[in-house]
Amino acid sequence: MTLKPGDVIVTGTPSGVGLARKPQLWMKDGDICEVEIDGIGILSNPIRDEAPARLARTA
C-alpha cells in the first residue's frame, strides 16, 4: 500500500480504554499520546488542558 500526503490512518480504539478501567483513567495535561507505524515513524502529541472559554462582553 502506498501512502500519499493527506491520507488518514485510522486505528480505532485501543484496548485498555480509560472508561472500562477500575479505577477509571483519563488523559490529563502533560501526558503524551504517541502512535507508531513501523517503517514510517512516530506521531507524538502533547495533551494540554483546554483554555477556559472567554465570556462575551455585553453593552
PDB file of N, CA and C in Angstrom:
ATOM      1  N   MET A   1       0.847  -1.162   0.000  1.00  0.00           N
ATOM      2  CA  MET A   1       0.000   0.000   0.000  1.00  0.00           C
ATOM      3  C   MET A   1       0.899   1.233   0.000  1.00  0.00           C
ATOM      4  N   THR A   2       0.583   2.186  -0.809  1.00  0.00           N
ATOM      5  CA  THR A   2       1.335   3.437  -0.867  1.00  0.00           C
ATOM      6  C   THR A   2       0.542   4.538  -0.181  1.00  0.00           C
ATOM      7  N   LEU A   3       1.168   5.187   0.798  1.00  0.00           N
ATOM      8  CA  LEU A   3       0.524   6.321   1.463  1.00  0.00           C
ATOM      9  C   LEU A   3       0.902   7.600   0.743  1.00  0.00           C
ATOM     10  N   LYS A   4      -0.068   8.467   0.589  1.00  0.00           N
ATOM     11  CA  LYS A   4       0.151   9.741  -0.088  1.00  0.00           C
ATOM     12  C   LYS A   4      -0.155  10.882   0.876  1.00  0.00           C
ATOM     13  N   PRO A   5       0.417  12.077   0.649  1.00  0.00           N
ATOM     14  CA  PRO A   5       0.115  13.212   1.522  1.00  0.00           C
ATOM     15  C   PRO A   5      -1.394  13.418   1.653  1.00  0.00           C
ATOM     16  N   GLY A   6      -1.838  13.565   2.885  1.00  0.00           N
ATOM     17  CA  GLY A   6      -3.259  13.767   3.146  1.00  0.00           C
ATOM     18  C   GLY A   6      -3.998  12.494   3.512  1.00  0.00           C
ATOM     19  N   ASP A   7      -3.375  11.309   3.289  1.00  0.00           N
ATOM     20  CA  ASP A   7      -4.012  10.057   3.682  1.00  0.00           C
ATOM     21  C   ASP A   7      -4.201  10.038   5.197  1.00  0.00           C
ATOM     22  N   VAL A   8      -5.293   9.448   5.648  1.00  0.00           N
ATOM     23  CA  VAL A   8      -5.581   9.343   7.068  1.00  0.00           C
ATOM     24  C   VAL A   8      -5.532   7.874   7.454  1.00  0.00           C
ATOM     25  N   ILE A   9      -4.814   7.566   8.522  1.00  0.00           N
ATOM     26  CA  ILE A   9      -4.730   6.199   9.027  1.00  0.00           C
ATOM     27  C   ILE A   9      -5.577   6.141  10.290  1.00  0.00           C
ATOM     28  N   VAL A  10      -6.599   5.301  10.296  1.00  0.00           N
ATOM     29  CA  VAL A  10      -7.494   5.181  11.436  1.00  0.00           C
ATOM     30  C   VAL A  10      -7.227   3.844  12.109  1.00  0.00           C
ATOM     31  N   THR A  11      -6.962   3.880  13.418  1.00  0.00           N
ATOM     32  CA  THR A  11      -6.624   2.650  14.127  1.00  0.00           C
ATOM     33  C   THR A  11      -7.733   2.153  15.039  1.00  0.00           C
ATOM     34  N   GLY A  12      -8.759   2.944  15.255  1.00  0.00           N
ATOM     35  CA  GLY A  12      -9.821   2.527  16.157  1.00  0.00           C
ATOM     36  C   GLY A  12      -9.428   2.764  17.607  1.00  0.00           C
ATOM     37  N   THR A  13     -10.191   2.221  18.524  1.00  0.00           N
ATOM     38  CA  THR A  13      -9.934   2.400  19.947  1.00  0.00           C
ATOM     39  C   THR A  13      -9.043   1.280  20.450  1.00  0.00           C
ATOM     40  N   PRO A  14      -7.913   1.622  21.069  1.00  0.00           N
ATOM     41  CA  PRO A  14      -7.026   0.577  21.578  1.00  0.00           C
ATOM     42  C   PRO A  14      -7.613  -0.102  22.810  1.00  0.00           C
ATOM     43  N   SER A  15      -7.101  -1.272  23.117  1.00  0.00           N
ATOM     44  CA  SER A  15      -7.554  -1.958  24.335  1.00  0.00           C
ATOM     45  C   SER A  15      -7.118  -1.145  25.550  1.00  0.00           C
ATOM     46  N   GLY A  16      -7.820  -1.315  26.642  1.00  0.00           N
ATOM     47  CA  GLY A  16      -7.452  -0.617  27.865  1.00  0.00           C
ATOM     48  C   GLY A  16      -7.952   0.807  27.938  1.00  0.00           C
ATOM     49  N   VAL A  17      -9.079   1.098  27.278  1.00  0.00           N
ATOM     50  CA  VAL A  17      -9.609   2.462  27.310  1.00  0.00           C
ATOM     51  C   VAL A  17      -9.958   2.862  28.743  1.00  0.00           C
ATOM     52  N   GLY A  18      -9.830   4.158  29.048  1.00  0.00           N
ATOM     53  CA  GLY A  18      -9.985   4.664  30.407  1.00  0.00           C
ATOM     54  C   GLY A  18     -11.335   4.411  31.040  1.00  0.00           C
ATOM     55  N   LEU A  19     -12.402   4.428  30.248  1.00  0.00           N
ATOM     56  CA  LEU A  19     -13.746   4.252  30.789  1.00  0.00           C
ATOM     57  C   LEU A  19     -13.928   2.880  31.427  1.00  0.00           C
ATOM     58  N   ALA A  20     -13.327   1.838  30.834  1.00  0.00           N
ATOM     59  CA  ALA A  20     -13.523   0.469  31.315  1.00  0.00           C
ATOM     60  C   ALA A  20     -12.582   0.096  32.462  1.00  0.00           C
ATOM     61  N   ARG A  21     -11.581   0.915  32.726  1.00  0.00           N
ATOM     62  CA  ARG A  21     -10.611   0.589  33.776  1.00  0.00           C
ATOM     63  C   ARG A  21     -11.193   0.856  35.152  1.00  0.00           C
ATOM     64  N   LYS A  22     -10.702   0.123  36.135  1.00  0.00           N
ATOM     65  CA  LYS A  22     -11.100   0.324  37.532  1.00  0.00           C
ATOM     66  C   LYS A  22      -9.840   0.573  38.335  1.00  0.00           C
ATOM     67  N   PRO A  23      -9.559   1.759  38.869  1.00  0.00           N
ATOM     68  CA  PRO A  23     -10.351   2.966  38.688  1.00  0.00           C
ATOM     69  C   PRO A  23     -10.194   3.513  37.272  1.00  0.00           C
ATOM     70  N   GLN A  24     -11.151   4.329  36.853  1.00  0.00           N
ATOM     71  CA  GLN A  24     -11.085   4.907  35.509  1.00  0.00           C
ATOM     72  C   GLN A  24      -9.844   5.778  35.381  1.00  0.00           C
ATOM     73  N   LEU A  25      -9.272   5.810  34.186  1.00  0.00           N
ATOM     74  CA  LEU A  25      -8.049   6.562  33.932  1.00  0.00           C
ATOM     75  C   LEU A  25      -8.240   7.391  32.675  1.00  0.00           C
ATOM     76  N   TRP A  26      -7.976   8.689  32.767  1.00  0.00           N
ATOM     77  CA  TRP A  26      -8.176   9.599  31.646  1.00  0.00           C
ATOM     78  C   TRP A  26      -6.883  10.330  31.345  1.00  0.00           C
ATOM     79  N   MET A  27      -6.723  10.745  30.100  1.00  0.00           N
ATOM     80  CA  MET A  27      -5.555  11.544  29.750  1.00  0.00           C
ATOM     81  C   MET A  27      -5.671  12.891  30.446  1.00  0.00           C
ATOM     82  N   LYS A  28      -4.512  13.456  30.800  1.00  0.00           N
ATOM     83  CA  LYS A  28      -4.510  14.724  31.520  1.00  0.00           C
ATOM     84  C   LYS A  28      -3.410  15.626  30.991  1.00  0.00           C
ATOM     85  N   ASP A  29      -3.459  16.882  31.386  1.00  0.00           N
ATOM     86  CA  ASP A  29      -2.468  17.856  30.962  1.00  0.00           C
ATOM     87  C   ASP A  29      -1.060  17.327  31.253  1.00  0.00           C
ATOM     88  N   GLY A  30      -0.208  17.379  30.256  1.00  0.00           N
ATOM     89  CA  GLY A  30       1.168  16.910  30.410  1.00  0.00           C
ATOM     90  C   GLY A  30       1.409  15.512  29.862  1.00  0.00           C
ATOM     91  N   ASP A  31       0.342  14.717  29.652  1.00  0.00           N
ATOM     92  CA  ASP A  31       0.507  13.391  29.047  1.00  0.00           C
ATOM     93  C   ASP A  31       0.933  13.545  27.590  1.00  0.00           C
ATOM     94  N   ILE A  32       1.493  12.491  27.026  1.00  0.00           N
ATOM     95  CA  ILE A  32       1.868  12.480  25.614  1.00  0.00           C
ATOM     96  C   ILE A  32       1.231  11.257  24.965  1.00  0.00           C
ATOM     97  N   CYS A  33       0.539  11.472  23.854  1.00  0.00           N
ATOM     98  CA  CYS A  33      -0.081  10.394  23.085  1.00  0.00           C
ATOM     99  C   CYS A  33       0.802  10.129  21.870  1.00  0.00           C
ATOM    100  N   GLU A  34       1.323   8.895  21.760  1.00  0.00           N
ATOM    101  CA  GLU A  34       2.190   8.550  20.637  1.00  0.00           C
ATOM    102  C   GLU A  34       1.600   7.390  19.842  1.00  0.00           C
ATOM    103  N   VAL A  35       1.679   7.503  18.526  1.00  0.00           N
ATOM    104  CA  VAL A  35       1.258   6.447  17.610  1.00  0.00           C
ATOM    105  C   VAL A  35       2.453   6.143  16.726  1.00  0.00           C
ATOM    106  N   GLU A  36       2.803   4.856  16.609  1.00  0.00           N
ATOM    107  CA  GLU A  36       3.971   4.473  15.812  1.00  0.00           C
ATOM    108  C   GLU A  36       3.580   3.484  14.723  1.00  0.00           C
ATOM    109  N   ILE A  37       4.119   3.700  13.531  1.00  0.00           N
ATOM    110  CA  ILE A  37       3.961   2.766  12.422  1.00  0.00           C
ATOM    111  C   ILE A  37       5.360   2.367  11.985  1.00  0.00           C
ATOM    112  N   ASP A  38       5.663   1.062  12.080  1.00  0.00           N
ATOM    113  CA  ASP A  38       6.985   0.575  11.687  1.00  0.00           C
ATOM    114  C   ASP A  38       7.326   1.028  10.280  1.00  0.00           C
ATOM    115  N   GLY A  39       8.532   1.513  10.109  1.00  0.00           N
ATOM    116  CA  GLY A  39       8.994   1.936   8.801  1.00  0.00           C
ATOM    117  C   GLY A  39       8.562   3.336   8.399  1.00  0.00           C
ATOM    118  N   ILE A  40       7.666   3.941   9.190  1.00  0.00           N
ATOM    119  CA  ILE A  40       7.208   5.295   8.874  1.00  0.00           C
ATOM    120  C   ILE A  40       7.664   6.274   9.947  1.00  0.00           C
ATOM    121  N   GLY A  41       7.359   5.980  11.189  1.00  0.00           N
ATOM    122  CA  GLY A  41       7.795   6.860  12.270  1.00  0.00           C
ATOM    123  C   GLY A  41       6.782   6.959  13.385  1.00  0.00           C
ATOM    124  N   ILE A  42       6.998   7.946  14.238  1.00  0.00           N
ATOM    125  CA  ILE A  42       6.165   8.161  15.420  1.00  0.00           C
ATOM    126  C   ILE A  42       5.503   9.531  15.338  1.00  0.00           C
ATOM    127  N   LEU A  43       4.200   9.564  15.603  1.00  0.00           N
ATOM    128  CA  LEU A  43       3.463  10.815  15.726  1.00  0.00           C
ATOM    129  C   LEU A  43       3.262  11.038  17.219  1.00  0.00           C
ATOM    130  N   SER A  44       3.779  12.125  17.747  1.00  0.00           N
ATOM    131  CA  SER A  44       3.727  12.413  19.174  1.00  0.00           C
ATOM    132  C   SER A  44       2.940  13.698  19.409  1.00  0.00           C
ATOM    133  N   ASN A  45       1.897  13.605  20.239  1.00  0.00           N
ATOM    134  CA  ASN A  45       1.045  14.763  20.525  1.00  0.00           C
ATOM    135  C   ASN A  45       0.964  15.005  22.028  1.00  0.00           C
ATOM    136  N   PRO A  46       1.414  16.185  22.489  1.00  0.00           N
ATOM    137  CA  PRO A  46       1.266  16.500  23.909  1.00  0.00           C
ATOM    138  C   PRO A  46      -0.193  16.824  24.223  1.00  0.00           C
ATOM    139  N   ILE A  47      -0.642  16.420  25.401  1.00  0.00           N
ATOM    140  CA  ILE A  47      -2.007  16.688  25.842  1.00  0.00           C
ATOM    141  C   ILE A  47      -1.975  17.938  26.715  1.00  0.00           C
ATOM    142  N   ARG A  48      -2.838  18.892  26.404  1.00  0.00           N
ATOM    143  CA  ARG A  48      -2.913  20.142  27.160  1.00  0.00           C
ATOM    144  C   ARG A  48      -4.361  20.404  27.547  1.00  0.00           C
ATOM    145  N   ASP A  49      -4.542  20.993  28.741  1.00  0.00           N
ATOM    146  CA  ASP A  49      -5.886  21.403  29.143  1.00  0.00           C
ATOM    147  C   ASP A  49      -6.405  22.432  28.155  1.00  0.00           C
ATOM    148  N   GLU A  50      -7.695  22.384  27.902  1.00  0.00           N
ATOM    149  CA  GLU A  50      -8.324  23.369  27.030  1.00  0.00           C
ATOM    150  C   GLU A  50      -8.346  24.721  27.744  1.00  0.00           C
ATOM    151  N   ALA A  51      -8.062  25.775  26.998  1.00  0.00           N
ATOM    152  CA  ALA A  51      -8.107  27.117  27.580  1.00  0.00           C
ATOM    153  C   ALA A  51      -9.538  27.431  27.997  1.00  0.00           C
ATOM    154  N   PRO A  52      -9.720  28.118  29.121  1.00  0.00           N
ATOM    155  CA  PRO A  52     -11.085  28.461  29.531  1.00  0.00           C
ATOM    156  C   PRO A  52     -11.777  29.323  28.478  1.00  0.00           C
ATOM    157  N   ALA A  53     -13.071  29.104  28.311  1.00  0.00           N
ATOM    158  CA  ALA A  53     -13.839  29.879  27.329  1.00  0.00           C
ATOM    159  C   ALA A  53     -13.903  31.336  27.778  1.00  0.00           C
ATOM    160  N   ARG A  54     -13.817  32.227  26.809  1.00  0.00           N
ATOM    161  CA  ARG A  54     -13.939  33.656  27.110  1.00  0.00           C
ATOM    162  C   ARG A  54     -15.408  34.044  27.059  1.00  0.00           C
ATOM    163  N   LEU A  55     -15.838  34.784  28.037  1.00  0.00           N
ATOM    164  CA  LEU A  55     -17.226  35.234  28.074  1.00  0.00           C
ATOM    165  C   LEU A  55     -17.390  36.459  27.194  1.00  0.00           C
ATOM    166  N   ALA A  56     -18.506  36.501  26.470  1.00  0.00           N
ATOM    167  CA  ALA A  56     -18.794  37.656  25.613  1.00  0.00           C
ATOM    168  C   ALA A  56     -19.141  38.854  26.487  1.00  0.00           C
ATOM    169  N   ARG A  57     -18.636  40.008  26.105  1.00  0.00           N
ATOM    170  CA  ARG A  57     -18.958  41.238  26.837  1.00  0.00           C
ATOM    171  C   ARG A  57     -20.292  41.783  26.345  1.00  0.00           C
ATOM    172  N   THR A  58     -21.097  42.251  27.271  1.00  0.00           N
ATOM    173  CA  THR A  58     -22.383  42.844  26.894  1.00  0.00           C
ATOM    174  C   THR A  58     -22.331  44.341  27.142  1.00  0.00           C
ATOM    175  N   ALA A  59     -23.075  45.079  26.331  1.00  0.00           N
ATOM    176  CA  ALA A  59     -23.073  46.548  26.453  1.00  0.00           C
ATOM    177  C   ALA A  59     -23.936  47.004  27.588  1.00  0.00           C
TER     178      ALA A  59
END
